[in-house]
């Protein structure tokens, strides 16, 4: 059986990364392996890209500012 990260750990990992923590510091804080964190970020990124592609359509804009 493969190791599965609990939803609470996933939230903790993503929260740390969003706050600006590095992957290595997130490993130390959460106890989740570096490889698992990278796989989680990849899967969340794909889900976000899919959501964006489905929902953001026909947006009339004269100027767009992206930070």
Protein backbone atom coordinates (compact mmCIF):
# COMPACT_ATOMS: atom_id res chain seq x y z
CA UNK A 1 0.00 0.00 0.00
CA UNK A 2 1.33 3.40 -0.96
CA UNK A 3 1.77 6.19 1.56
CA UNK A 4 -1.04 8.70 1.28
CA UNK A 5 -0.81 12.24 2.60
CA UNK A 6 -3.82 13.23 4.70
CA UNK A 7 -5.91 16.21 3.64
CA UNK A 8 -4.73 18.10 6.74
CA UNK A 9 -1.07 17.56 5.75
CA UNK A 10 -1.81 18.63 2.17
CA UNK A 11 -3.40 21.83 3.45
CA UNK A 12 -0.43 22.46 5.76
CA UNK A 13 2.05 21.93 2.91
CA UNK A 14 0.20 24.17 0.46
CA UNK A 15 -0.36 26.85 3.11
CA UNK A 16 3.35 26.94 3.89
CA UNK A 17 4.27 27.20 0.21
CA UNK A 18 1.70 29.94 -0.43
CA UNK A 19 3.13 31.90 2.51
CA UNK A 20 6.53 31.81 0.81
CA UNK A 21 8.29 28.96 2.59
CA UNK A 22 10.77 26.96 0.57
CA UNK A 23 10.21 23.30 -0.20
CA UNK A 24 13.01 22.32 2.18
CA UNK A 25 11.59 24.34 5.07
CA UNK A 26 8.15 22.89 4.32
CA UNK A 27 9.67 19.40 4.56
CA UNK A 28 11.07 20.26 7.99
CA UNK A 29 7.84 21.85 9.24
CA UNK A 30 5.41 19.18 8.02
CA UNK A 31 7.46 15.99 7.89
CA UNK A 32 6.28 15.37 4.31
CA UNK A 33 9.02 14.26 1.92
CA UNK A 34 10.39 16.56 -0.76
CA UNK A 35 9.23 14.22 -3.54
CA UNK A 36 5.70 14.09 -2.13
CA UNK A 37 5.58 17.89 -1.93
CA UNK A 38 6.72 18.24 -5.52
CA UNK A 39 4.11 15.70 -6.69
CA UNK A 40 1.42 17.55 -4.72
CA UNK A 41 2.40 20.90 -6.24
CA UNK A 42 2.34 19.35 -9.71
CA UNK A 43 -1.12 17.86 -9.25
CA UNK A 44 -2.54 21.06 -7.75
CA UNK A 45 -0.99 23.08 -10.58
CA UNK A 46 -2.62 20.86 -13.19
CA UNK A 47 -5.98 21.12 -11.42
CA UNK A 48 -5.68 24.92 -11.30
CA UNK A 49 -4.76 25.10 -14.98
CA UNK A 50 -7.72 22.88 -15.92
CA UNK A 51 -10.08 25.01 -13.83
CA UNK A 52 -8.73 28.22 -15.35
CA UNK A 53 -9.11 26.88 -18.89
CA UNK A 54 -12.74 25.86 -18.22
CA UNK A 55 -13.91 28.97 -16.41
CA UNK A 56 -12.04 32.01 -17.71
CA UNK A 57 -13.61 32.77 -21.07
CA UNK A 58 -14.60 35.85 -23.06
CA UNK A 59 -13.33 38.39 -20.56
CA UNK A 60 -13.54 41.86 -22.12
CA UNK A 61 -10.54 43.89 -20.96
CA UNK A 62 -8.68 46.91 -22.25
CA UNK A 63 -5.76 46.41 -19.85
CA UNK A 64 -4.61 43.44 -17.78
CA UNK A 65 -2.22 43.78 -14.84
CA UNK A 66 -0.56 40.62 -13.57
CA UNK A 67 1.65 40.57 -10.50
